[in-house]
Every structure is written in structure tokens, then in C-alpha cells.
Amino acid sequence: MYRFVVILFGIALLLAGFYIVFWTPGATERPPLPNAINQSE
């Protein structure tokens, strides 16, 4: 049971790491998208 919790925690940390690494550059590139959506309206 303890090992299962440690594995889940490790996976959660890995996912959080990937989110932080990939989300930061994506956040700066996503603001232009709302402008394109507004233009189509």
C-alpha cells in the first residue's frame, strides 16, 4: 500500500513537472488565439 502511494506521488510530480515546463511557453503563445476567435465573429 505504501509503495502504491509513493508511485502515485511520483507520477503526480512528473505530470506537474511536464505541465510547468510545457505550460509556461504555451501561456505566452496562447493570448493571440482569442484575437483570431474574435475576428471570426
PDB file of N, CA and C in Angstrom:
ATOM      1  N   MET A   1       0.843  -1.203   0.000  1.00  0.00           N
ATOM      2  CA  MET A   1       0.000   0.000   0.000  1.00  0.00           C
ATOM      3  C   MET A   1       0.879   1.255   0.000  1.00  0.00           C
ATOM      4  N   TYR A   2       1.918   1.247   0.844  1.00  0.00           N
ATOM      5  CA  TYR A   2       2.795   2.418   0.923  1.00  0.00           C
ATOM      6  C   TYR A   2       3.488   2.637  -0.422  1.00  0.00           C
ATOM      7  N   ARG A   3       3.936   1.537  -1.054  1.00  0.00           N
ATOM      8  CA  ARG A   3       4.633   1.667  -2.337  1.00  0.00           C
ATOM      9  C   ARG A   3       3.683   2.258  -3.388  1.00  0.00           C
ATOM     10  N   PHE A   4       2.415   1.851  -3.351  1.00  0.00           N
ATOM     11  CA  PHE A   4       1.416   2.353  -4.301  1.00  0.00           C
ATOM     12  C   PHE A   4       1.269   3.867  -4.167  1.00  0.00           C
ATOM     13  N   VAL A   5       1.233   4.356  -2.929  1.00  0.00           N
ATOM     14  CA  VAL A   5       1.103   5.798  -2.692  1.00  0.00           C
ATOM     15  C   VAL A   5       2.340   6.524  -3.209  1.00  0.00           C
ATOM     16  N   VAL A   6       3.522   5.952  -2.972  1.00  0.00           N
ATOM     17  CA  VAL A   6       4.766   6.585  -3.428  1.00  0.00           C
ATOM     18  C   VAL A   6       4.792   6.650  -4.952  1.00  0.00           C
ATOM     19  N   ILE A   7       4.346   5.581  -5.615  1.00  0.00           N
ATOM     20  CA  ILE A   7       4.327   5.566  -7.087  1.00  0.00           C
ATOM     21  C   ILE A   7       3.358   6.631  -7.610  1.00  0.00           C
ATOM     22  N   LEU A   8       2.173   6.711  -7.010  1.00  0.00           N
ATOM     23  CA  LEU A   8       1.203   7.728  -7.438  1.00  0.00           C
ATOM     24  C   LEU A   8       1.773   9.131  -7.240  1.00  0.00           C
ATOM     25  N   PHE A   9       2.434   9.353  -6.104  1.00  0.00           N
ATOM     26  CA  PHE A   9       3.009  10.664  -5.817  1.00  0.00           C
ATOM     27  C   PHE A   9       4.091  11.001  -6.841  1.00  0.00           C
ATOM     28  N   GLY A  10       4.912  10.004  -7.194  1.00  0.00           N
ATOM     29  CA  GLY A  10       5.962  10.215  -8.195  1.00  0.00           C
ATOM     30  C   GLY A  10       5.371  10.573  -9.549  1.00  0.00           C
ATOM     31  N   ILE A  11       4.312   9.866  -9.945  1.00  0.00           N
ATOM     32  CA  ILE A  11       3.658  10.159 -11.223  1.00  0.00           C
ATOM     33  C   ILE A  11       3.075  11.572 -11.197  1.00  0.00           C
ATOM     34  N   ALA A  12       2.477  11.947 -10.070  1.00  0.00           N
ATOM     35  CA  ALA A  12       1.899  13.287  -9.944  1.00  0.00           C
ATOM     36  C   ALA A  12       2.990  14.351 -10.084  1.00  0.00           C
ATOM     37  N   LEU A  13       4.152  14.115  -9.472  1.00  0.00           N
ATOM     38  CA  LEU A  13       5.254  15.074  -9.575  1.00  0.00           C
ATOM     39  C   LEU A  13       5.730  15.179 -11.021  1.00  0.00           C
ATOM     40  N   LEU A  14       5.832  14.038 -11.713  1.00  0.00           N
ATOM     41  CA  LEU A  14       6.264  14.058 -13.115  1.00  0.00           C
ATOM     42  C   LEU A  14       5.266  14.849 -13.963  1.00  0.00           C
ATOM     43  N   LEU A  15       3.975  14.589 -13.764  1.00  0.00           N
ATOM     44  CA  LEU A  15       2.951  15.314 -14.529  1.00  0.00           C
ATOM     45  C   LEU A  15       3.024  16.808 -14.233  1.00  0.00           C
ATOM     46  N   ALA A  16       3.195  17.164 -12.963  1.00  0.00           N
ATOM     47  CA  ALA A  16       3.289  18.577 -12.594  1.00  0.00           C
ATOM     48  C   ALA A  16       4.503  19.210 -13.271  1.00  0.00           C
ATOM     49  N   GLY A  17       5.620  18.485 -13.308  1.00  0.00           N
ATOM     50  CA  GLY A  17       6.830  18.987 -13.956  1.00  0.00           C
ATOM     51  C   GLY A  17       6.598  19.234 -15.438  1.00  0.00           C
ATOM     52  N   PHE A  18       5.966  18.275 -16.111  1.00  0.00           N
ATOM     53  CA  PHE A  18       5.686  18.442 -17.537  1.00  0.00           C
ATOM     54  C   PHE A  18       4.747  19.624 -17.768  1.00  0.00           C
ATOM     55  N   TYR A  19       3.726  19.758 -16.911  1.00  0.00           N
ATOM     56  CA  TYR A  19       2.782  20.872 -17.054  1.00  0.00           C
ATOM     57  C   TYR A  19       3.503  22.207 -16.935  1.00  0.00           C
ATOM     58  N   ILE A  20       4.391  22.322 -15.926  1.00  0.00           N
ATOM     59  CA  ILE A  20       5.110  23.581 -15.710  1.00  0.00           C
ATOM     60  C   ILE A  20       6.031  23.868 -16.895  1.00  0.00           C
ATOM     61  N   VAL A  21       6.715  22.829 -17.392  1.00  0.00           N
ATOM     62  CA  VAL A  21       7.679  23.029 -18.487  1.00  0.00           C
ATOM     63  C   VAL A  21       6.965  23.393 -19.785  1.00  0.00           C
ATOM     64  N   PHE A  22       5.854  22.715 -20.079  1.00  0.00           N
ATOM     65  CA  PHE A  22       5.181  22.936 -21.360  1.00  0.00           C
ATOM     66  C   PHE A  22       4.140  24.052 -21.290  1.00  0.00           C
ATOM     67  N   TRP A  23       3.608  24.329 -20.102  1.00  0.00           N
ATOM     68  CA  TRP A  23       2.540  25.336 -19.981  1.00  0.00           C
ATOM     69  C   TRP A  23       3.109  26.755 -20.051  1.00  0.00           C
ATOM     70  N   THR A  24       4.307  26.989 -19.463  1.00  0.00           N
ATOM     71  CA  THR A  24       4.878  28.337 -19.418  1.00  0.00           C
ATOM     72  C   THR A  24       5.090  28.912 -20.823  1.00  0.00           C
ATOM     73  N   PRO A  25       5.759  28.185 -21.752  1.00  0.00           N
ATOM     74  CA  PRO A  25       5.881  28.731 -23.113  1.00  0.00           C
ATOM     75  C   PRO A  25       4.530  28.795 -23.820  1.00  0.00           C
ATOM     76  N   GLY A  26       3.641  27.838 -23.557  1.00  0.00           N
ATOM     77  CA  GLY A  26       2.322  27.833 -24.188  1.00  0.00           C
ATOM     78  C   GLY A  26       1.486  29.016 -23.735  1.00  0.00           C
ATOM     79  N   ALA A  27       1.643  29.448 -22.495  1.00  0.00           N
ATOM     80  CA  ALA A  27       0.838  30.549 -21.964  1.00  0.00           C
ATOM     81  C   ALA A  27       1.155  31.844 -22.720  1.00  0.00           C
ATOM     82  N   THR A  28       2.422  32.044 -23.113  1.00  0.00           N
ATOM     83  CA  THR A  28       2.792  33.266 -23.824  1.00  0.00           C
ATOM     84  C   THR A  28       2.336  33.193 -25.278  1.00  0.00           C
ATOM     85  N   GLU A  29       2.130  31.986 -25.816  1.00  0.00           N
ATOM     86  CA  GLU A  29       1.726  31.853 -27.216  1.00  0.00           C
ATOM     87  C   GLU A  29       0.208  31.795 -27.360  1.00  0.00           C
ATOM     88  N   ARG A  30      -0.527  31.617 -26.272  1.00  0.00           N
ATOM     89  CA  ARG A  30      -1.978  31.449 -26.405  1.00  0.00           C
ATOM     90  C   ARG A  30      -2.761  32.768 -26.461  1.00  0.00           C
ATOM     91  N   PRO A  31      -2.317  33.870 -25.883  1.00  0.00           N
ATOM     92  CA  PRO A  31      -3.087  35.118 -25.995  1.00  0.00           C
ATOM     93  C   PRO A  31      -3.485  35.491 -27.429  1.00  0.00           C
ATOM     94  N   PRO A  32      -2.654  35.260 -28.473  1.00  0.00           N
ATOM     95  CA  PRO A  32      -3.086  35.595 -29.842  1.00  0.00           C
ATOM     96  C   PRO A  32      -4.326  34.829 -30.296  1.00  0.00           C
ATOM     97  N   LEU A  33      -4.569  33.625 -29.741  1.00  0.00           N
ATOM     98  CA  LEU A  33      -5.710  32.811 -30.180  1.00  0.00           C
ATOM     99  C   LEU A  33      -7.053  33.507 -29.957  1.00  0.00           C
ATOM    100  N   PRO A  34      -7.316  34.112 -28.788  1.00  0.00           N
ATOM    101  CA  PRO A  34      -8.598  34.812 -28.599  1.00  0.00           C
ATOM    102  C   PRO A  34      -8.828  35.893 -29.656  1.00  0.00           C
ATOM    103  N   ASN A  35      -7.774  36.563 -30.107  1.00  0.00           N
ATOM    104  CA  ASN A  35      -7.939  37.592 -31.137  1.00  0.00           C
ATOM    105  C   ASN A  35      -8.443  36.972 -32.431  1.00  0.00           C
ATOM    106  N   ALA A  36      -7.899  35.813 -32.804  1.00  0.00           N
ATOM    107  CA  ALA A  36      -8.336  35.136 -34.027  1.00  0.00           C
ATOM    108  C   ALA A  36      -9.793  34.712 -33.895  1.00  0.00           C
ATOM    109  N   ILE A  37     -10.182  34.261 -32.705  1.00  0.00           N
ATOM    110  CA  ILE A  37     -11.572  33.838 -32.489  1.00  0.00           C
ATOM    111  C   ILE A  37     -12.502  35.050 -32.601  1.00  0.00           C
ATOM    112  N   ASN A  38     -12.099  36.190 -32.047  1.00  0.00           N
ATOM    113  CA  ASN A  38     -12.933  37.398 -32.103  1.00  0.00           C
ATOM    114  C   ASN A  38     -13.067  37.890 -33.545  1.00  0.00           C
ATOM    115  N   GLN A  39     -12.005  37.767 -34.348  1.00  0.00           N
ATOM    116  CA  GLN A  39     -12.062  38.216 -35.735  1.00  0.00           C
ATOM    117  C   GLN A  39     -13.045  37.375 -36.540  1.00  0.00           C
ATOM    118  N   SER A  40     -13.122  36.072 -36.242  1.00  0.00           N
ATOM    119  CA  SER A  40     -14.026  35.189 -36.990  1.00  0.00           C
ATOM    120  C   SER A  40     -15.480  35.533 -36.675  1.00  0.00           C
ATOM    121  N   GLU A  41     -15.729  36.132 -35.520  1.00  0.00           N
ATOM    122  CA  GLU A  41     -17.093  36.554 -35.192  1.00  0.00           C
ATOM    123  C   GLU A  41     -17.372  37.873 -35.907  1.00  0.00           C
TER     124      GLU A  41
END
